[in-house]
Amino acid sequence: MYKSNETGKVYKDYQEYCNSDELDTCEIFLKLNSGERTPQNEEEKKWLKSMQEMDAEGKIIDIPFGTF
């Protein structure tokens, strides 16, 4: 069982929370980049691919919170 600190919603486990469609965009980016989230749609697959390409090129991925 995992309880969100932000919403108080209870999830089956942390993985279910990470793959929830209730996360904000910044959290989705972070969880995709860390491998905690499985891409949920084509857009997220594109984001992940782009982040992986940037990482392979040695570029720093900066996710500015609160700008989305």
PDB file of N, CA and C in Angstrom:
ATOM      1  N   MET A   1       0.848  -1.173   0.000  1.00  0.00           N
ATOM      2  CA  MET A   1       0.000   0.000   0.000  1.00  0.00           C
ATOM      3  C   MET A   1       0.897   1.240   0.000  1.00  0.00           C
ATOM      4  N   TYR A   2       0.522   2.242  -0.790  1.00  0.00           N
ATOM      5  CA  TYR A   2       1.255   3.502  -0.845  1.00  0.00           C
ATOM      6  C   TYR A   2       0.248   4.647  -0.799  1.00  0.00           C
ATOM      7  N   LYS A   3       0.523   5.623   0.069  1.00  0.00           N
ATOM      8  CA  LYS A   3      -0.360   6.779   0.205  1.00  0.00           C
ATOM      9  C   LYS A   3       0.374   8.023  -0.282  1.00  0.00           C
ATOM     10  N   SER A   4      -0.245   8.757  -1.194  1.00  0.00           N
ATOM     11  CA  SER A   4       0.332   9.987  -1.719  1.00  0.00           C
ATOM     12  C   SER A   4       0.352  11.057  -0.640  1.00  0.00           C
ATOM     13  N   ASN A   5       1.502  11.683  -0.462  1.00  0.00           N
ATOM     14  CA  ASN A   5       1.620  12.774   0.508  1.00  0.00           C
ATOM     15  C   ASN A   5       0.860  14.013   0.049  1.00  0.00           C
ATOM     16  N   GLU A   6       0.738  14.184  -1.255  1.00  0.00           N
ATOM     17  CA  GLU A   6       0.086  15.372  -1.799  1.00  0.00           C
ATOM     18  C   GLU A   6      -1.439  15.282  -1.767  1.00  0.00           C
ATOM     19  N   THR A   7      -1.964  14.142  -2.214  1.00  0.00           N
ATOM     20  CA  THR A   7      -3.412  14.021  -2.335  1.00  0.00           C
ATOM     21  C   THR A   7      -4.054  13.185  -1.244  1.00  0.00           C
ATOM     22  N   GLY A   8      -3.251  12.347  -0.592  1.00  0.00           N
ATOM     23  CA  GLY A   8      -3.792  11.451   0.422  1.00  0.00           C
ATOM     24  C   GLY A   8      -4.420  10.198  -0.166  1.00  0.00           C
ATOM     25  N   LYS A   9      -4.416  10.106  -1.497  1.00  0.00           N
ATOM     26  CA  LYS A   9      -4.997   8.941  -2.159  1.00  0.00           C
ATOM     27  C   LYS A   9      -4.130   7.711  -1.894  1.00  0.00           C
ATOM     28  N   VAL A  10      -4.780   6.584  -1.694  1.00  0.00           N
ATOM     29  CA  VAL A  10      -4.085   5.332  -1.418  1.00  0.00           C
ATOM     30  C   VAL A  10      -4.025   4.501  -2.703  1.00  0.00           C
ATOM     31  N   TYR A  11      -2.833   3.993  -2.984  1.00  0.00           N
ATOM     32  CA  TYR A  11      -2.597   3.146  -4.161  1.00  0.00           C
ATOM     33  C   TYR A  11      -2.212   1.751  -3.696  1.00  0.00           C
ATOM     34  N   LYS A  12      -2.361   0.792  -4.592  1.00  0.00           N
ATOM     35  CA  LYS A  12      -2.012  -0.596  -4.276  1.00  0.00           C
ATOM     36  C   LYS A  12      -0.545  -0.686  -3.852  1.00  0.00           C
ATOM     37  N   ASP A  13       0.321   0.021  -4.589  1.00  0.00           N
ATOM     38  CA  ASP A  13       1.744   0.044  -4.277  1.00  0.00           C
ATOM     39  C   ASP A  13       2.384   1.266  -4.928  1.00  0.00           C
ATOM     40  N   TYR A  14       3.673   1.449  -4.703  1.00  0.00           N
ATOM     41  CA  TYR A  14       4.373   2.614  -5.236  1.00  0.00           C
ATOM     42  C   TYR A  14       4.364   2.606  -6.760  1.00  0.00           C
ATOM     43  N   GLN A  15       4.490   1.446  -7.355  1.00  0.00           N
ATOM     44  CA  GLN A  15       4.487   1.336  -8.823  1.00  0.00           C
ATOM     45  C   GLN A  15       3.167   1.835  -9.407  1.00  0.00           C
ATOM     46  N   GLU A  16       2.060   1.505  -8.778  1.00  0.00           N
ATOM     47  CA  GLU A  16       0.765   1.992  -9.245  1.00  0.00           C
ATOM     48  C   GLU A  16       0.714   3.521  -9.151  1.00  0.00           C
ATOM     49  N   TYR A  17       1.267   4.075  -8.091  1.00  0.00           N
ATOM     50  CA  TYR A  17       1.331   5.530  -7.939  1.00  0.00           C
ATOM     51  C   TYR A  17       2.167   6.147  -9.068  1.00  0.00           C
ATOM     52  N   CYS A  18       3.340   5.571  -9.331  1.00  0.00           N
ATOM     53  CA  CYS A  18       4.230   6.110 -10.371  1.00  0.00           C
ATOM     54  C   CYS A  18       3.577   6.087 -11.751  1.00  0.00           C
ATOM     55  N   ASN A  19       2.733   5.130 -12.011  1.00  0.00           N
ATOM     56  CA  ASN A  19       2.079   5.012 -13.314  1.00  0.00           C
ATOM     57  C   ASN A  19       0.697   5.651 -13.343  1.00  0.00           C
ATOM     58  N   SER A  20       0.350   6.344 -12.287  1.00  0.00           N
ATOM     59  CA  SER A  20      -0.950   7.004 -12.195  1.00  0.00           C
ATOM     60  C   SER A  20      -1.052   8.153 -13.197  1.00  0.00           C
ATOM     61  N   ASP A  21      -2.244   8.376 -13.709  1.00  0.00           N
ATOM     62  CA  ASP A  21      -2.454   9.515 -14.606  1.00  0.00           C
ATOM     63  C   ASP A  21      -2.764  10.786 -13.824  1.00  0.00           C
ATOM     64  N   GLU A  22      -2.660  10.718 -12.509  1.00  0.00           N
ATOM     65  CA  GLU A  22      -2.927  11.871 -11.654  1.00  0.00           C
ATOM     66  C   GLU A  22      -1.666  12.681 -11.340  1.00  0.00           C
ATOM     67  N   LEU A  23      -0.499  12.221 -11.791  1.00  0.00           N
ATOM     68  CA  LEU A  23       0.742  12.954 -11.538  1.00  0.00           C
ATOM     69  C   LEU A  23       0.807  14.180 -12.433  1.00  0.00           C
ATOM     70  N   ASP A  24       1.475  15.226 -11.940  1.00  0.00           N
ATOM     71  CA  ASP A  24       1.635  16.397 -12.794  1.00  0.00           C
ATOM     72  C   ASP A  24       2.783  16.153 -13.778  1.00  0.00           C
ATOM     73  N   THR A  25       2.899  17.008 -14.761  1.00  0.00           N
ATOM     74  CA  THR A  25       3.849  16.814 -15.856  1.00  0.00           C
ATOM     75  C   THR A  25       5.284  16.685 -15.364  1.00  0.00           C
ATOM     76  N   CYS A  26       5.688  17.518 -14.432  1.00  0.00           N
ATOM     77  CA  CYS A  26       7.062  17.455 -13.916  1.00  0.00           C
ATOM     78  C   CYS A  26       7.341  16.105 -13.255  1.00  0.00           C
ATOM     79  N   GLU A  27       6.395  15.630 -12.471  1.00  0.00           N
ATOM     80  CA  GLU A  27       6.567  14.331 -11.819  1.00  0.00           C
ATOM     81  C   GLU A  27       6.655  13.216 -12.853  1.00  0.00           C
ATOM     82  N   ILE A  28       5.859  13.314 -13.903  1.00  0.00           N
ATOM     83  CA  ILE A  28       5.904  12.305 -14.960  1.00  0.00           C
ATOM     84  C   ILE A  28       7.288  12.276 -15.593  1.00  0.00           C
ATOM     85  N   PHE A  29       7.833  13.461 -15.934  1.00  0.00           N
ATOM     86  CA  PHE A  29       9.175  13.525 -16.509  1.00  0.00           C
ATOM     87  C   PHE A  29      10.201  12.882 -15.580  1.00  0.00           C
ATOM     88  N   LEU A  30      10.149  13.237 -14.313  1.00  0.00           N
ATOM     89  CA  LEU A  30      11.114  12.705 -13.352  1.00  0.00           C
ATOM     90  C   LEU A  30      11.011  11.188 -13.232  1.00  0.00           C
ATOM     91  N   LYS A  31       9.798  10.696 -13.141  1.00  0.00           N
ATOM     92  CA  LYS A  31       9.610   9.258 -12.957  1.00  0.00           C
ATOM     93  C   LYS A  31       9.953   8.482 -14.227  1.00  0.00           C
ATOM     94  N   LEU A  32       9.689   9.065 -15.406  1.00  0.00           N
ATOM     95  CA  LEU A  32      10.110   8.430 -16.652  1.00  0.00           C
ATOM     96  C   LEU A  32      11.632   8.376 -16.716  1.00  0.00           C
ATOM     97  N   ASN A  33      12.272   9.500 -16.411  1.00  0.00           N
ATOM     98  CA  ASN A  33      13.721   9.592 -16.509  1.00  0.00           C
ATOM     99  C   ASN A  33      14.427   8.670 -15.525  1.00  0.00           C
ATOM    100  N   SER A  34      13.843   8.467 -14.355  1.00  0.00           N
ATOM    101  CA  SER A  34      14.461   7.603 -13.344  1.00  0.00           C
ATOM    102  C   SER A  34      14.140   6.125 -13.559  1.00  0.00           C
ATOM    103  N   GLY A  35      13.197   5.837 -14.461  1.00  0.00           N
ATOM    104  CA  GLY A  35      12.816   4.449 -14.707  1.00  0.00           C
ATOM    105  C   GLY A  35      11.714   3.944 -13.803  1.00  0.00           C
ATOM    106  N   GLU A  36      11.163   4.822 -12.979  1.00  0.00           N
ATOM    107  CA  GLU A  36      10.101   4.417 -12.057  1.00  0.00           C
ATOM    108  C   GLU A  36       8.743   4.328 -12.753  1.00  0.00           C
ATOM    109  N   ARG A  37       8.599   5.002 -13.880  1.00  0.00           N
ATOM    110  CA  ARG A  37       7.320   5.044 -14.595  1.00  0.00           C
ATOM    111  C   ARG A  37       7.477   4.395 -15.958  1.00  0.00           C
ATOM    112  N   THR A  38       6.499   3.601 -16.342  1.00  0.00           N
ATOM    113  CA  THR A  38       6.416   3.035 -17.678  1.00  0.00           C
ATOM    114  C   THR A  38       5.629   4.021 -18.536  1.00  0.00           C
ATOM    115  N   PRO A  39       6.128   4.354 -19.736  1.00  0.00           N
ATOM    116  CA  PRO A  39       5.368   5.290 -20.580  1.00  0.00           C
ATOM    117  C   PRO A  39       3.923   4.815 -20.766  1.00  0.00           C
ATOM    118  N   GLN A  40       2.986   5.732 -20.569  1.00  0.00           N
ATOM    119  CA  GLN A  40       1.567   5.391 -20.597  1.00  0.00           C
ATOM    120  C   GLN A  40       0.902   5.673 -21.940  1.00  0.00           C
ATOM    121  N   ASN A  41       1.584   6.409 -22.812  1.00  0.00           N
ATOM    122  CA  ASN A  41       1.013   6.742 -24.119  1.00  0.00           C
ATOM    123  C   ASN A  41       2.142   7.118 -25.072  1.00  0.00           C
ATOM    124  N   GLU A  42       1.799   7.421 -26.316  1.00  0.00           N
ATOM    125  CA  GLU A  42       2.807   7.737 -27.330  1.00  0.00           C
ATOM    126  C   GLU A  42       3.611   8.985 -26.973  1.00  0.00           C
ATOM    127  N   GLU A  43       2.956   9.975 -26.407  1.00  0.00           N
ATOM    128  CA  GLU A  43       3.647  11.204 -26.033  1.00  0.00           C
ATOM    129  C   GLU A  43       4.725  10.926 -24.989  1.00  0.00           C
ATOM    130  N   GLU A  44       4.406  10.113 -23.995  1.00  0.00           N
ATOM    131  CA  GLU A  44       5.385   9.772 -22.962  1.00  0.00           C
ATOM    132  C   GLU A  44       6.521   8.939 -23.541  1.00  0.00           C
ATOM    133  N   LYS A  45       6.225   8.085 -24.515  1.00  0.00           N
ATOM    134  CA  LYS A  45       7.281   7.311 -25.185  1.00  0.00           C
ATOM    135  C   LYS A  45       8.248   8.254 -25.894  1.00  0.00           C
ATOM    136  N   LYS A  46       7.721   9.297 -26.532  1.00  0.00           N
ATOM    137  CA  LYS A  46       8.563  10.278 -27.214  1.00  0.00           C
ATOM    138  C   LYS A  46       9.417  11.043 -26.211  1.00  0.00           C
ATOM    139  N   TRP A  47       8.806  11.439 -25.078  1.00  0.00           N
ATOM    140  CA  TRP A  47       9.556  12.150 -24.035  1.00  0.00           C
ATOM    141  C   TRP A  47      10.715  11.281 -23.542  1.00  0.00           C
ATOM    142  N   LEU A  48      10.420  10.020 -23.264  1.00  0.00           N
ATOM    143  CA  LEU A  48      11.439   9.116 -22.738  1.00  0.00           C
ATOM    144  C   LEU A  48      12.561   8.925 -23.752  1.00  0.00           C
ATOM    145  N   LYS A  49      12.203   8.715 -25.003  1.00  0.00           N
ATOM    146  CA  LYS A  49      13.210   8.536 -26.053  1.00  0.00           C
ATOM    147  C   LYS A  49      14.098   9.775 -26.143  1.00  0.00           C
ATOM    148  N   SER A  50      13.495  10.943 -26.096  1.00  0.00           N
ATOM    149  CA  SER A  50      14.244  12.190 -26.166  1.00  0.00           C
ATOM    150  C   SER A  50      15.198  12.325 -24.976  1.00  0.00           C
ATOM    151  N   MET A  51      14.721  12.001 -23.782  1.00  0.00           N
ATOM    152  CA  MET A  51      15.566  12.080 -22.593  1.00  0.00           C
ATOM    153  C   MET A  51      16.721  11.076 -22.669  1.00  0.00           C
ATOM    154  N   GLN A  52      16.454   9.884 -23.193  1.00  0.00           N
ATOM    155  CA  GLN A  52      17.499   8.867 -23.319  1.00  0.00           C
ATOM    156  C   GLN A  52      18.553   9.306 -24.329  1.00  0.00           C
ATOM    157  N   GLU A  53      18.110   9.936 -25.431  1.00  0.00           N
ATOM    158  CA  GLU A  53      19.051  10.435 -26.428  1.00  0.00           C
ATOM    159  C   GLU A  53      19.920  11.545 -25.842  1.00  0.00           C
ATOM    160  N   MET A  54      19.302  12.439 -25.077  1.00  0.00           N
ATOM    161  CA  MET A  54      20.064  13.523 -24.447  1.00  0.00           C
ATOM    162  C   MET A  54      21.087  12.951 -23.469  1.00  0.00           C
ATOM    163  N   ASP A  55      20.684  11.962 -22.705  1.00  0.00           N
ATOM    164  CA  ASP A  55      21.580  11.337 -21.740  1.00  0.00           C
ATOM    165  C   ASP A  55      22.752  10.669 -22.458  1.00  0.00           C
ATOM    166  N   ALA A  56      22.475   9.982 -23.559  1.00  0.00           N
ATOM    167  CA  ALA A  56      23.520   9.309 -24.325  1.00  0.00           C
ATOM    168  C   ALA A  56      24.527  10.308 -24.904  1.00  0.00           C
ATOM    169  N   GLU A  57      24.053  11.520 -25.195  1.00  0.00           N
ATOM    170  CA  GLU A  57      24.921  12.570 -25.729  1.00  0.00           C
ATOM    171  C   GLU A  57      25.658  13.315 -24.612  1.00  0.00           C
ATOM    172  N   GLY A  58      25.378  12.951 -23.365  1.00  0.00           N
ATOM    173  CA  GLY A  58      26.033  13.583 -22.236  1.00  0.00           C
ATOM    174  C   GLY A  58      25.408  14.907 -21.829  1.00  0.00           C
ATOM    175  N   LYS A  59      24.232  15.182 -22.346  1.00  0.00           N
ATOM    176  CA  LYS A  59      23.542  16.425 -22.012  1.00  0.00           C
ATOM    177  C   LYS A  59      22.824  16.282 -20.675  1.00  0.00           C
ATOM    178  N   ILE A  60      22.761  17.370 -19.953  1.00  0.00           N
ATOM    179  CA  ILE A  60      22.064  17.389 -18.673  1.00  0.00           C
ATOM    180  C   ILE A  60      20.587  17.655 -18.912  1.00  0.00           C
ATOM    181  N   ILE A  61      19.755  16.853 -18.304  1.00  0.00           N
ATOM    182  CA  ILE A  61      18.306  17.018 -18.437  1.00  0.00           C
ATOM    183  C   ILE A  61      17.829  17.856 -17.265  1.00  0.00           C
ATOM    184  N   ASP A  62      17.355  19.046 -17.561  1.00  0.00           N
ATOM    185  CA  ASP A  62      16.891  19.971 -16.531  1.00  0.00           C
ATOM    186  C   ASP A  62      15.372  20.050 -16.606  1.00  0.00           C
ATOM    187  N   ILE A  63      14.712  19.669 -15.545  1.00  0.00           N
ATOM    188  CA  ILE A  63      13.251  19.706 -15.496  1.00  0.00           C
ATOM    189  C   ILE A  63      12.846  20.810 -14.539  1.00  0.00           C
ATOM    190  N   PRO A  64      12.483  21.969 -15.091  1.00  0.00           N
ATOM    191  CA  PRO A  64      12.116  23.099 -14.227  1.00  0.00           C
ATOM    192  C   PRO A  64      10.701  22.954 -13.683  1.00  0.00           C
ATOM    193  N   PHE A  65      10.596  22.772 -12.385  1.00  0.00           N
ATOM    194  CA  PHE A  65       9.292  22.594 -11.760  1.00  0.00           C
ATOM    195  C   PHE A  65       8.450  23.856 -11.860  1.00  0.00           C
ATOM    196  N   GLY A  66       7.154  23.654 -12.033  1.00  0.00           N
ATOM    197  CA  GLY A  66       6.204  24.765 -12.014  1.00  0.00           C
ATOM    198  C   GLY A  66       6.119  25.546 -13.302  1.00  0.00           C
ATOM    199  N   THR A  67       6.723  25.045 -14.382  1.00  0.00           N
ATOM    200  CA  THR A  67       6.674  25.788 -15.640  1.00  0.00           C
ATOM    201  C   THR A  67       5.729  25.160 -16.651  1.00  0.00           C
ATOM    202  N   PHE A  68       5.108  24.051 -16.299  1.00  0.00           N
ATOM    203  CA  PHE A  68       4.209  23.374 -17.242  1.00  0.00           C
ATOM    204  C   PHE A  68       2.779  23.686 -16.916  1.00  0.00           C
TER     205      PHE A  68
END
